[in-house]
Amino acid sequence: MGARAQYVVVEDGAWQRYYSHWAAGRVVDDLLPGPAAATRCFRANREIDEWLDDVWCEGAALVDHDRRILLWFAFADSWADHMAARAVLARIWPGWDVRFAHDGMGDLTHHLGLGRDLTRPPGWFEIFEPAGFADTECTEPSTVVSLRLPDGSVRAWGSDWEPIEHLAAGPGLIDRIVASPATPVPTDMPSGGVHFDPRARTVSLWAVETVAGIHDWPLPRWHNWSLDFRGDDHTRQAKLLPADFPFPQPPLTAALRRLGDGLSTPLPDNGPLLARAMAAPGPEGTAPVVNPAALTPHEPADPSPAELTALRTTLDALIAGAEVD
């Protein structure tokens, strides 16, 4: 089974869908060289007339040239990897509204005016009754859960559940959280966070991964509660956490370097060389001959040497800034 990816390109009022059976893990890499390179790459894939759903689609991108909007989602190995990709895309796609598609395929179909339920059957959001709370002794939890207690103080725990699973468990989870033992302070940033305030009946959530269904609020069992969805911004929860349970602040340097490791070496620009060779006079009575095999060809769907050079320059600048910070 492959890591399936879907791409949508919008241009001149029309849109087309494309499909790759293996490229979900490369969505970020294909976006990094910029709008033109990403569009060429996506259009080089097979055009299809159907939608993947959130189960089968592990990465996707929608490039809207008409409105200059990029929507994308893909799995990131860590908070730092996600934030590094966001930092690079913000610079390489200047003038574009670059958005992480937290609602998965729902964000893409919604952008096209097709609603969020096109790829989701009724009742698709699975709820469950918690038998306990996902406390863990791991110092690298998937989620940090914080809770405002009746006296106004805030406690926090690490959890090995994904952020959206805490909402699938319903408000009944809160009593189990209160009864849970303390967990270790995180040594690495989690993939998301959830904050419960029972007195105000509010839930706040952030994540660097998809949280499909988050825009269908209220989710089952959360009626009369309000949602404060923060996207991938963890700073509000960071301000709420108790002093003895802070978020770590890992540098982005290593994650930025990993993005650079995935790049190929820019090919030489052989255009001027080829032009000079063709213009050179041949022996009297003959025409000049240029052997194309002597030149390194550039695949049309690949990033050009200029695009790769611009990307490397951006990465170097971001790395230098991260090292200073």
C-alpha atoms as a PDB file:
ATOM      1  CA  MET A   1       0.000   0.000   0.000  1.00  0.00           C
ATOM      2  CA  GLY A   2       1.444   3.328  -1.043  1.00  0.00           C
ATOM      3  CA  ALA A   3       1.456   6.760   0.539  1.00  0.00           C
ATOM      4  CA  ARG A   4      -1.209   8.297  -1.678  1.00  0.00           C
ATOM      5  CA  ALA A   5      -1.237  11.993  -2.483  1.00  0.00           C
ATOM      6  CA  GLN A   6      -3.738  14.223  -4.267  1.00  0.00           C
ATOM      7  CA  TYR A   7      -3.082  17.562  -5.911  1.00  0.00           C
ATOM      8  CA  VAL A   8      -5.427  20.232  -7.230  1.00  0.00           C
ATOM      9  CA  VAL A   9      -4.358  23.059  -9.538  1.00  0.00           C
ATOM     10  CA  VAL A  10      -6.702  26.025 -10.034  1.00  0.00           C
ATOM     11  CA  GLU A  11      -5.986  28.396 -12.899  1.00  0.00           C
ATOM     12  CA  ASP A  12      -8.100  30.613 -15.174  1.00  0.00           C
ATOM     13  CA  GLY A  13     -11.298  29.631 -13.393  1.00  0.00           C
ATOM     14  CA  ALA A  14     -10.841  25.871 -13.900  1.00  0.00           C
ATOM     15  CA  TRP A  15      -9.398  23.168 -11.670  1.00  0.00           C
ATOM     16  CA  GLN A  16      -7.902  19.735 -12.247  1.00  0.00           C
ATOM     17  CA  ARG A  17      -7.098  16.884  -9.889  1.00  0.00           C
ATOM     18  CA  TYR A  18      -3.945  14.797 -10.006  1.00  0.00           C
ATOM     19  CA  TYR A  19      -2.872  11.660  -8.171  1.00  0.00           C
ATOM     20  CA  SER A  20       0.315   9.964  -7.010  1.00  0.00           C
ATOM     21  CA  HIS A  21       0.401   6.555  -5.401  1.00  0.00           C
ATOM     22  CA  TRP A  22       3.690   7.133  -3.582  1.00  0.00           C
ATOM     23  CA  ALA A  23       4.314  10.854  -3.106  1.00  0.00           C
ATOM     24  CA  ALA A  24       2.511  11.732   0.165  1.00  0.00           C
ATOM     25  CA  GLY A  25       5.861  11.884   1.933  1.00  0.00           C
ATOM     26  CA  ARG A  26       7.167  14.320  -0.693  1.00  0.00           C
ATOM     27  CA  VAL A  27       4.377  16.925  -0.630  1.00  0.00           C
ATOM     28  CA  VAL A  28       6.478  19.426   1.319  1.00  0.00           C
ATOM     29  CA  ASP A  29       9.578  18.781  -0.806  1.00  0.00           C
ATOM     30  CA  ASP A  30       7.552  19.382  -3.974  1.00  0.00           C
ATOM     31  CA  LEU A  31       6.122  22.635  -2.603  1.00  0.00           C
ATOM     32  CA  LEU A  32       9.412  24.096  -1.391  1.00  0.00           C
ATOM     33  CA  PRO A  33      10.789  25.290  -4.769  1.00  0.00           C
ATOM     34  CA  GLY A  34       7.797  27.614  -5.236  1.00  0.00           C
ATOM     35  CA  PRO A  35       4.487  27.939  -7.110  1.00  0.00           C
ATOM     36  CA  ALA A  36       5.763  27.397 -10.659  1.00  0.00           C
ATOM     37  CA  ALA A  37       7.846  24.346  -9.790  1.00  0.00           C
ATOM     38  CA  ALA A  38       5.085  22.810  -7.661  1.00  0.00           C
ATOM     39  CA  THR A  39       2.537  23.294 -10.430  1.00  0.00           C
ATOM     40  CA  ARG A  40       4.789  21.627 -13.013  1.00  0.00           C
ATOM     41  CA  CYS A  41       5.421  18.751 -10.633  1.00  0.00           C
ATOM     42  CA  PHE A  42       1.755  18.172  -9.850  1.00  0.00           C
ATOM     43  CA  ARG A  43       0.661  18.378 -13.480  1.00  0.00           C
ATOM     44  CA  ALA A  44       3.239  15.735 -14.375  1.00  0.00           C
ATOM     45  CA  ASN A  45       1.193  13.235 -12.352  1.00  0.00           C
ATOM     46  CA  ARG A  46      -1.845  11.316 -13.553  1.00  0.00           C
ATOM     47  CA  GLU A  47      -4.998  13.422 -13.885  1.00  0.00           C
ATOM     48  CA  ILE A  48      -8.029  11.812 -12.237  1.00  0.00           C
ATOM     49  CA  ASP A  49     -11.719  12.653 -11.871  1.00  0.00           C
ATOM     50  CA  GLU A  50     -12.278  11.485  -8.305  1.00  0.00           C
ATOM     51  CA  TRP A  51     -11.442  12.509  -4.737  1.00  0.00           C
ATOM     52  CA  LEU A  52      -9.425  10.545  -2.229  1.00  0.00           C
ATOM     53  CA  ASP A  53     -10.821  10.527   1.294  1.00  0.00           C
ATOM     54  CA  ASP A  54      -9.091  11.304   4.587  1.00  0.00           C
ATOM     55  CA  VAL A  55      -8.312   7.626   5.159  1.00  0.00           C
ATOM     56  CA  TRP A  56      -6.513   6.986   1.881  1.00  0.00           C
ATOM     57  CA  CYS A  57      -5.024  10.417   1.248  1.00  0.00           C
ATOM     58  CA  GLU A  58      -1.906  10.930   3.352  1.00  0.00           C
ATOM     59  CA  GLY A  59      -0.806  14.192   1.775  1.00  0.00           C
ATOM     60  CA  ALA A  60      -2.371  16.791  -0.508  1.00  0.00           C
ATOM     61  CA  ALA A  61      -1.951  20.263  -1.943  1.00  0.00           C
ATOM     62  CA  LEU A  62      -4.194  22.756  -3.702  1.00  0.00           C
ATOM     63  CA  VAL A  63      -2.474  25.507  -5.685  1.00  0.00           C
ATOM     64  CA  ASP A  64      -4.925  28.267  -6.585  1.00  0.00           C
ATOM     65  CA  HIS A  65      -3.206  30.632  -9.010  1.00  0.00           C
ATOM     66  CA  ASP A  66      -6.322  32.756  -9.444  1.00  0.00           C
ATOM     67  CA  ARG A  67      -6.582  33.670  -5.752  1.00  0.00           C
ATOM     68  CA  ARG A  68      -2.912  32.986  -4.896  1.00  0.00           C
ATOM     69  CA  ILE A  69      -3.821  30.543  -2.131  1.00  0.00           C
ATOM     70  CA  LEU A  70      -1.907  27.390  -1.218  1.00  0.00           C
ATOM     71  CA  LEU A  71      -3.582  24.713   0.917  1.00  0.00           C
ATOM     72  CA  TRP A  72      -1.574  21.672   1.927  1.00  0.00           C
ATOM     73  CA  PHE A  73      -1.260  18.919   4.479  1.00  0.00           C
ATOM     74  CA  ALA A  74       1.280  16.178   5.071  1.00  0.00           C
ATOM     75  CA  PHE A  75       2.645  14.243   8.006  1.00  0.00           C
ATOM     76  CA  ALA A  76       5.547  15.869   9.832  1.00  0.00           C
ATOM     77  CA  ASP A  77       7.949  13.893  11.995  1.00  0.00           C
ATOM     78  CA  SER A  78       7.957  16.619  14.642  1.00  0.00           C
ATOM     79  CA  TRP A  79       6.756  20.091  15.602  1.00  0.00           C
ATOM     80  CA  ALA A  80      10.090  21.483  14.419  1.00  0.00           C
ATOM     81  CA  ASP A  81       9.782  19.821  10.993  1.00  0.00           C
ATOM     82  CA  HIS A  82       6.321  21.320  10.502  1.00  0.00           C
ATOM     83  CA  MET A  83       7.370  24.803  11.591  1.00  0.00           C
ATOM     84  CA  ALA A  84      10.513  24.695   9.454  1.00  0.00           C
ATOM     85  CA  ALA A  85       8.418  23.871   6.386  1.00  0.00           C
ATOM     86  CA  ARG A  86       6.039  26.712   7.218  1.00  0.00           C
ATOM     87  CA  ALA A  87       8.936  29.154   7.540  1.00  0.00           C
ATOM     88  CA  VAL A  88      10.391  28.223   4.163  1.00  0.00           C
ATOM     89  CA  LEU A  89       7.045  28.270   2.338  1.00  0.00           C
ATOM     90  CA  ALA A  90       6.284  31.739   3.720  1.00  0.00           C
ATOM     91  CA  ARG A  91       9.394  33.053   1.945  1.00  0.00           C
ATOM     92  CA  ILE A  92       9.368  30.967  -1.229  1.00  0.00           C
ATOM     93  CA  TRP A  93       5.673  31.713  -1.923  1.00  0.00           C
ATOM     94  CA  PRO A  94       5.697  35.531  -1.497  1.00  0.00           C
ATOM     95  CA  GLY A  95       2.340  37.182  -2.050  1.00  0.00           C
ATOM     96  CA  TRP A  96       0.515  33.888  -1.493  1.00  0.00           C
ATOM     97  CA  ASP A  97      -1.784  32.979   1.381  1.00  0.00           C
ATOM     98  CA  VAL A  98      -0.137  29.750   2.550  1.00  0.00           C
ATOM     99  CA  ARG A  99      -2.392  27.644   4.771  1.00  0.00           C
ATOM    100  CA  PHE A 100      -2.006  24.255   6.397  1.00  0.00           C
ATOM    101  CA  ALA A 101      -5.188  22.280   5.660  1.00  0.00           C
ATOM    102  CA  HIS A 102      -6.054  21.180   9.200  1.00  0.00           C
ATOM    103  CA  ASP A 103      -9.393  19.745   8.035  1.00  0.00           C
ATOM    104  CA  GLY A 104      -7.645  17.528   5.515  1.00  0.00           C
ATOM    105  CA  MET A 105      -9.538  16.953   2.280  1.00  0.00           C
ATOM    106  CA  GLY A 106     -12.428  18.920   3.751  1.00  0.00           C
ATOM    107  CA  ASP A 107     -10.423  22.139   3.462  1.00  0.00           C
ATOM    108  CA  LEU A 108      -9.645  21.456  -0.209  1.00  0.00           C
ATOM    109  CA  THR A 109     -13.219  20.661  -1.235  1.00  0.00           C
ATOM    110  CA  HIS A 110     -14.537  23.577   0.835  1.00  0.00           C
ATOM    111  CA  HIS A 111     -12.178  25.950  -0.974  1.00  0.00           C
ATOM    112  CA  LEU A 112     -13.688  24.836  -4.282  1.00  0.00           C
ATOM    113  CA  GLY A 113     -17.221  25.470  -3.018  1.00  0.00           C
ATOM    114  CA  LEU A 114     -18.053  21.771  -2.722  1.00  0.00           C
ATOM    115  CA  GLY A 115     -18.531  21.648   1.057  1.00  0.00           C
ATOM    116  CA  ARG A 116     -16.604  19.613   3.597  1.00  0.00           C
ATOM    117  CA  ASP A 117     -18.593  16.373   3.437  1.00  0.00           C
ATOM    118  CA  LEU A 118     -17.872  15.341  -0.136  1.00  0.00           C
ATOM    119  CA  THR A 119     -15.284  12.750   0.909  1.00  0.00           C
ATOM    120  CA  ARG A 120     -16.870  11.859   4.269  1.00  0.00           C
ATOM    121  CA  PRO A 121     -19.870   9.598   4.882  1.00  0.00           C
ATOM    122  CA  PRO A 122     -22.501  10.628   7.456  1.00  0.00           C
ATOM    123  CA  GLY A 123     -21.452   9.852  11.011  1.00  0.00           C
ATOM    124  CA  TRP A 124     -17.827   9.431  10.011  1.00  0.00           C
ATOM    125  CA  PHE A 125     -16.497  11.145  13.165  1.00  0.00           C
ATOM    126  CA  GLU A 126     -15.936   8.307  15.617  1.00  0.00           C
ATOM    127  CA  ILE A 127     -16.658   8.976  19.277  1.00  0.00           C
ATOM    128  CA  PHE A 128     -15.780   6.712  22.195  1.00  0.00           C
ATOM    129  CA  GLU A 129     -16.306   6.445  25.921  1.00  0.00           C
ATOM    130  CA  PRO A 130     -12.987   6.861  27.708  1.00  0.00           C
ATOM    131  CA  ALA A 131     -12.088   4.133  30.161  1.00  0.00           C
ATOM    132  CA  GLY A 132      -9.307   6.318  31.516  1.00  0.00           C
ATOM    133  CA  PHE A 133      -6.994   9.082  30.477  1.00  0.00           C
ATOM    134  CA  ALA A 134      -4.054   8.508  28.195  1.00  0.00           C
ATOM    135  CA  ASP A 135      -1.443   9.417  30.778  1.00  0.00           C
ATOM    136  CA  THR A 136       2.052   8.346  29.905  1.00  0.00           C
ATOM    137  CA  GLU A 137       5.487   8.284  31.473  1.00  0.00           C
ATOM    138  CA  CYS A 138       6.976   9.316  28.133  1.00  0.00           C
ATOM    139  CA  THR A 139       8.673  12.718  28.098  1.00  0.00           C
ATOM    140  CA  GLU A 140       7.739  13.193  24.415  1.00  0.00           C
ATOM    141  CA  PRO A 141       3.921  13.139  24.478  1.00  0.00           C
ATOM    142  CA  SER A 142       1.797  13.519  21.349  1.00  0.00           C
ATOM    143  CA  THR A 143      -0.401  16.117  23.064  1.00  0.00           C
ATOM    144  CA  VAL A 144      -0.240  18.392  26.090  1.00  0.00           C
ATOM    145  CA  VAL A 145      -3.595  18.661  27.860  1.00  0.00           C
ATOM    146  CA  SER A 146      -4.242  21.522  30.258  1.00  0.00           C
ATOM    147  CA  LEU A 147      -7.261  22.091  32.485  1.00  0.00           C
ATOM    148  CA  ARG A 148      -8.487  25.091  34.421  1.00  0.00           C
ATOM    149  CA  LEU A 149      -9.580  23.887  37.852  1.00  0.00           C
ATOM    150  CA  PRO A 150     -12.462  25.350  39.925  1.00  0.00           C
ATOM    151  CA  ASP A 151     -10.032  27.467  41.963  1.00  0.00           C
ATOM    152  CA  GLY A 152      -8.762  29.124  38.756  1.00  0.00           C
ATOM    153  CA  SER A 153      -5.400  27.361  38.668  1.00  0.00           C
ATOM    154  CA  VAL A 154      -4.242  25.326  35.663  1.00  0.00           C
ATOM    155  CA  ARG A 155      -2.759  21.827  35.637  1.00  0.00           C
ATOM    156  CA  ALA A 156      -1.206  20.073  32.663  1.00  0.00           C
ATOM    157  CA  TRP A 157      -0.487  16.511  31.572  1.00  0.00           C
ATOM    158  CA  GLY A 158       1.253  14.750  28.724  1.00  0.00           C
ATOM    159  CA  SER A 159      -0.915  12.427  26.632  1.00  0.00           C
ATOM    160  CA  ASP A 160      -0.144   9.811  24.020  1.00  0.00           C
ATOM    161  CA  TRP A 161      -3.474  10.439  22.292  1.00  0.00           C
ATOM    162  CA  GLU A 162      -3.647  12.611  19.200  1.00  0.00           C
ATOM    163  CA  PRO A 163      -5.208  16.062  19.799  1.00  0.00           C
ATOM    164  CA  ILE A 164      -8.547  15.289  18.111  1.00  0.00           C
ATOM    165  CA  GLU A 165      -8.989  12.077  20.137  1.00  0.00           C
ATOM    166  CA  HIS A 166      -9.503  14.172  23.265  1.00  0.00           C
ATOM    167  CA  LEU A 167     -12.570  15.712  21.641  1.00  0.00           C
ATOM    168  CA  ALA A 168     -13.814  12.345  20.406  1.00  0.00           C
ATOM    169  CA  ALA A 169     -13.900  11.250  24.055  1.00  0.00           C
ATOM    170  CA  GLY A 170     -16.370  14.032  24.930  1.00  0.00           C
ATOM    171  CA  PRO A 171     -16.584  16.234  28.043  1.00  0.00           C
ATOM    172  CA  GLY A 172     -16.716  13.122  30.229  1.00  0.00           C
ATOM    173  CA  LEU A 173     -12.971  12.899  29.762  1.00  0.00           C
ATOM    174  CA  ILE A 174     -12.459  15.926  31.999  1.00  0.00           C
ATOM    175  CA  ASP A 175     -13.292  14.075  35.226  1.00  0.00           C
ATOM    176  CA  ARG A 176     -10.805  11.364  34.314  1.00  0.00           C
ATOM    177  CA  ILE A 177      -8.130  13.958  33.600  1.00  0.00           C
ATOM    178  CA  VAL A 178      -8.605  15.518  37.046  1.00  0.00           C
ATOM    179  CA  ALA A 179      -8.107  12.114  38.666  1.00  0.00           C
ATOM    180  CA  SER A 180      -4.985  11.338  36.650  1.00  0.00           C
ATOM    181  CA  PRO A 181      -1.514  11.329  38.234  1.00  0.00           C
ATOM    182  CA  ALA A 182       1.114  13.860  37.228  1.00  0.00           C
ATOM    183  CA  THR A 183       3.118  13.171  34.079  1.00  0.00           C
ATOM    184  CA  PRO A 184       6.709  14.126  33.237  1.00  0.00           C
ATOM    185  CA  VAL A 185       7.499  17.551  31.865  1.00  0.00           C
ATOM    186  CA  PRO A 186       7.892  17.290  28.049  1.00  0.00           C
ATOM    187  CA  THR A 187      11.420  17.343  26.697  1.00  0.00           C
ATOM    188  CA  ASP A 188      10.235  17.865  23.108  1.00  0.00           C
ATOM    189  CA  MET A 189       7.373  19.839  21.617  1.00  0.00           C
ATOM    190  CA  PRO A 190       4.170  17.824  21.195  1.00  0.00           C
ATOM    191  CA  SER A 191       2.190  17.637  17.962  1.00  0.00           C
ATOM    192  CA  GLY A 192      -0.654  19.578  19.522  1.00  0.00           C
ATOM    193  CA  GLY A 193      -2.372  20.793  22.647  1.00  0.00           C
ATOM    194  CA  VAL A 194      -5.867  20.891  24.140  1.00  0.00           C
ATOM    195  CA  HIS A 195      -7.028  23.214  26.916  1.00  0.00           C
ATOM    196  CA  PHE A 196     -10.317  22.692  28.771  1.00  0.00           C
ATOM    197  CA  ASP A 197     -12.079  25.409  30.742  1.00  0.00           C
ATOM    198  CA  PRO A 198     -15.227  23.776  32.209  1.00  0.00           C
ATOM    199  CA  ARG A 199     -16.487  26.937  33.915  1.00  0.00           C
ATOM    200  CA  ALA A 200     -16.379  28.934  30.659  1.00  0.00           C
ATOM    201  CA  ARG A 201     -17.361  25.794  28.684  1.00  0.00           C
ATOM    202  CA  THR A 202     -14.606  26.387  26.154  1.00  0.00           C
ATOM    203  CA  VAL A 203     -12.113  24.103  24.464  1.00  0.00           C
ATOM    204  CA  SER A 204      -8.945  25.434  22.865  1.00  0.00           C
ATOM    205  CA  LEU A 205      -6.963  23.276  20.437  1.00  0.00           C
ATOM    206  CA  TRP A 206      -3.848  23.642  18.296  1.00  0.00           C
ATOM    207  CA  ALA A 207      -1.992  21.079  16.213  1.00  0.00           C
ATOM    208  CA  VAL A 208       0.728  20.690  13.610  1.00  0.00           C
ATOM    209  CA  GLU A 209      -1.205  17.821  12.061  1.00  0.00           C
ATOM    210  CA  THR A 210      -4.641  17.368  10.550  1.00  0.00           C
ATOM    211  CA  VAL A 211      -7.579  17.419  12.948  1.00  0.00           C
ATOM    212  CA  ALA A 212     -10.285  16.426  10.500  1.00  0.00           C
ATOM    213  CA  GLY A 213     -13.737  17.609  11.485  1.00  0.00           C
ATOM    214  CA  ILE A 214     -12.556  20.575  13.525  1.00  0.00           C
ATOM    215  CA  HIS A 215     -14.660  22.978  11.437  1.00  0.00           C
ATOM    216  CA  ASP A 216     -17.827  20.937  12.037  1.00  0.00           C
ATOM    217  CA  TRP A 217     -18.194  22.336  15.534  1.00  0.00           C
ATOM    218  CA  PRO A 218     -19.976  21.466  17.684  1.00  0.00           C
ATOM    219  CA  LEU A 219     -18.674  17.941  17.400  1.00  0.00           C
ATOM    220  CA  PRO A 220     -20.798  15.179  18.938  1.00  0.00           C
ATOM    221  CA  ARG A 221     -21.396  15.697  22.698  1.00  0.00           C
ATOM    222  CA  TRP A 222     -19.898  19.205  22.711  1.00  0.00           C
ATOM    223  CA  HIS A 223     -23.130  21.176  22.375  1.00  0.00           C
ATOM    224  CA  ASN A 224     -23.175  24.322  24.534  1.00  0.00           C
ATOM    225  CA  TRP A 225     -19.374  24.404  24.455  1.00  0.00           C
ATOM    226  CA  SER A 226     -17.405  26.849  22.315  1.00  0.00           C
ATOM    227  CA  LEU A 227     -14.232  26.054  20.414  1.00  0.00           C
ATOM    228  CA  ASP A 228     -11.148  28.253  20.167  1.00  0.00           C
ATOM    229  CA  PHE A 229      -9.194  26.675  17.302  1.00  0.00           C
ATOM    230  CA  ARG A 230      -5.674  28.113  17.099  1.00  0.00           C
ATOM    231  CA  GLY A 231      -4.357  26.361  13.984  1.00  0.00           C
ATOM    232  CA  ASP A 232      -0.706  25.477  14.636  1.00  0.00           C
ATOM    233  CA  ASP A 233      -0.167  28.374  17.073  1.00  0.00           C
ATOM    234  CA  HIS A 234       0.786  26.974  20.467  1.00  0.00           C
ATOM    235  CA  THR A 235       1.491  30.313  22.148  1.00  0.00           C
ATOM    236  CA  ARG A 236      -1.890  30.773  23.829  1.00  0.00           C
ATOM    237  CA  GLN A 237      -1.653  27.431  25.593  1.00  0.00           C
ATOM    238  CA  ALA A 238       1.981  28.155  26.429  1.00  0.00           C
ATOM    239  CA  LYS A 239       0.849  31.212  28.402  1.00  0.00           C
ATOM    240  CA  LEU A 240      -1.686  29.108  30.313  1.00  0.00           C
ATOM    241  CA  LEU A 241       0.646  26.296  31.333  1.00  0.00           C
ATOM    242  CA  PRO A 242       1.890  26.216  34.923  1.00  0.00           C
ATOM    243  CA  ALA A 243       5.457  27.374  35.475  1.00  0.00           C
ATOM    244  CA  ASP A 244       6.626  23.845  36.319  1.00  0.00           C
ATOM    245  CA  PHE A 245       5.210  22.380  33.083  1.00  0.00           C
ATOM    246  CA  PRO A 246       6.457  24.592  30.213  1.00  0.00           C
ATOM    247  CA  PHE A 247       6.714  23.799  26.544  1.00  0.00           C
ATOM    248  CA  PRO A 248      10.326  23.262  25.459  1.00  0.00           C
ATOM    249  CA  GLN A 249      11.508  25.530  22.668  1.00  0.00           C
ATOM    250  CA  PRO A 250      13.556  23.377  20.286  1.00  0.00           C
ATOM    251  CA  PRO A 251      15.533  25.291  17.652  1.00  0.00           C
ATOM    252  CA  LEU A 252      14.546  24.878  14.010  1.00  0.00           C
ATOM    253  CA  THR A 253      18.126  24.607  12.783  1.00  0.00           C
ATOM    254  CA  ALA A 254      18.231  20.808  12.493  1.00  0.00           C
ATOM    255  CA  ALA A 255      14.799  20.666  10.845  1.00  0.00           C
ATOM    256  CA  LEU A 256      15.803  23.317   8.299  1.00  0.00           C
ATOM    257  CA  ARG A 257      18.962  21.383   7.503  1.00  0.00           C
ATOM    258  CA  ARG A 258      16.889  18.237   6.944  1.00  0.00           C
ATOM    259  CA  LEU A 259      14.820  20.098   4.361  1.00  0.00           C
ATOM    260  CA  GLY A 260      18.026  21.028   2.570  1.00  0.00           C
ATOM    261  CA  ASP A 261      19.233  17.416   2.674  1.00  0.00           C
ATOM    262  CA  GLY A 262      16.276  16.422   0.498  1.00  0.00           C
ATOM    263  CA  LEU A 263      17.253  18.754  -2.324  1.00  0.00           C
ATOM    264  CA  SER A 264      19.154  17.661  -5.379  1.00  0.00           C
ATOM    265  CA  THR A 265      22.178  19.596  -6.563  1.00  0.00           C
ATOM    266  CA  PRO A 266      21.136  22.365  -8.964  1.00  0.00           C
ATOM    267  CA  LEU A 267      21.940  21.408 -12.528  1.00  0.00           C
ATOM    268  CA  PRO A 268      24.083  23.786 -14.569  1.00  0.00           C
ATOM    269  CA  ASP A 269      22.251  26.180 -16.869  1.00  0.00           C
ATOM    270  CA  ASN A 270      23.390  24.906 -20.244  1.00  0.00           C
ATOM    271  CA  GLY A 271      21.315  27.343 -22.280  1.00  0.00           C
ATOM    272  CA  PRO A 272      24.103  29.872 -22.921  1.00  0.00           C
ATOM    273  CA  LEU A 273      26.572  27.073 -23.675  1.00  0.00           C
ATOM    274  CA  LEU A 274      24.198  25.506 -26.175  1.00  0.00           C
ATOM    275  CA  ALA A 275      23.497  28.875 -27.806  1.00  0.00           C
ATOM    276  CA  ARG A 276      27.211  29.583 -28.269  1.00  0.00           C
ATOM    277  CA  ALA A 277      27.804  26.126 -29.683  1.00  0.00           C
ATOM    278  CA  MET A 278      25.002  26.506 -32.206  1.00  0.00           C
ATOM    279  CA  ALA A 279      26.245  29.951 -33.231  1.00  0.00           C
ATOM    280  CA  ALA A 280      29.834  28.860 -33.757  1.00  0.00           C
ATOM    281  CA  PRO A 281      30.741  28.510 -37.457  1.00  0.00           C
ATOM    282  CA  GLY A 282      31.527  25.013 -38.656  1.00  0.00           C
ATOM    283  CA  PRO A 283      34.228  24.078 -41.148  1.00  0.00           C
ATOM    284  CA  GLU A 284      33.706  25.556 -44.583  1.00  0.00           C
ATOM    285  CA  GLY A 285      30.695  24.012 -46.232  1.00  0.00           C
ATOM    286  CA  THR A 286      29.458  22.247 -43.076  1.00  0.00           C
ATOM    287  CA  ALA A 287      26.917  23.014 -40.359  1.00  0.00           C
ATOM    288  CA  PRO A 288      27.814  22.986 -36.645  1.00  0.00           C
ATOM    289  CA  VAL A 289      26.675  19.880 -34.771  1.00  0.00           C
ATOM    290  CA  VAL A 290      25.912  19.792 -31.052  1.00  0.00           C
ATOM    291  CA  ASN A 291      25.544  16.445 -29.326  1.00  0.00           C
ATOM    292  CA  PRO A 292      22.655  16.816 -26.812  1.00  0.00           C
ATOM    293  CA  ALA A 293      24.014  13.873 -24.830  1.00  0.00           C
ATOM    294  CA  ALA A 294      27.025  15.974 -23.951  1.00  0.00           C
ATOM    295  CA  LEU A 295      24.791  18.309 -21.956  1.00  0.00           C
ATOM    296  CA  THR A 296      22.978  17.498 -18.740  1.00  0.00           C
ATOM    297  CA  PRO A 297      19.256  17.670 -19.540  1.00  0.00           C
ATOM    298  CA  HIS A 298      16.772  19.326 -17.218  1.00  0.00           C
ATOM    299  CA  GLU A 299      13.542  17.428 -16.703  1.00  0.00           C
ATOM    300  CA  PRO A 300      10.680  19.873 -17.362  1.00  0.00           C
ATOM    301  CA  ALA A 301       8.730  18.824 -14.258  1.00  0.00           C
ATOM    302  CA  ASP A 302      11.733  19.210 -11.942  1.00  0.00           C
ATOM    303  CA  PRO A 303      12.745  22.434 -10.198  1.00  0.00           C
ATOM    304  CA  SER A 304      15.007  24.488 -12.406  1.00  0.00           C
ATOM    305  CA  PRO A 305      18.574  25.309 -11.331  1.00  0.00           C
ATOM    306  CA  ALA A 306      17.457  28.876 -10.589  1.00  0.00           C
ATOM    307  CA  GLU A 307      14.559  27.654  -8.424  1.00  0.00           C
ATOM    308  CA  LEU A 308      16.816  25.313  -6.454  1.00  0.00           C
ATOM    309  CA  THR A 309      19.405  28.044  -5.987  1.00  0.00           C
ATOM    310  CA  ALA A 310      16.759  30.440  -4.657  1.00  0.00           C
ATOM    311  CA  LEU A 311      15.512  27.745  -2.272  1.00  0.00           C
ATOM    312  CA  ARG A 312      19.010  27.016  -0.981  1.00  0.00           C
ATOM    313  CA  THR A 313      19.605  30.723  -0.447  1.00  0.00           C
ATOM    314  CA  THR A 314      16.387  30.948   1.571  1.00  0.00           C
ATOM    315  CA  LEU A 315      17.306  27.904   3.650  1.00  0.00           C
ATOM    316  CA  ASP A 316      20.783  29.293   4.356  1.00  0.00           C
ATOM    317  CA  ALA A 317      19.282  32.589   5.530  1.00  0.00           C
ATOM    318  CA  LEU A 318      16.756  30.854   7.793  1.00  0.00           C
ATOM    319  CA  ILE A 319      19.428  28.555   9.240  1.00  0.00           C
ATOM    320  CA  ALA A 320      21.695  31.527   9.950  1.00  0.00           C
ATOM    321  CA  GLY A 321      18.815  33.306  11.713  1.00  0.00           C
ATOM    322  CA  ALA A 322      17.926  30.216  13.740  1.00  0.00           C
ATOM    323  CA  GLU A 323      21.522  29.810  14.874  1.00  0.00           C
ATOM    324  CA  VAL A 324      21.593  33.431  16.054  1.00  0.00           C
ATOM    325  CA  ASP A 325      18.344  32.967  18.007  1.00  0.00           C
END
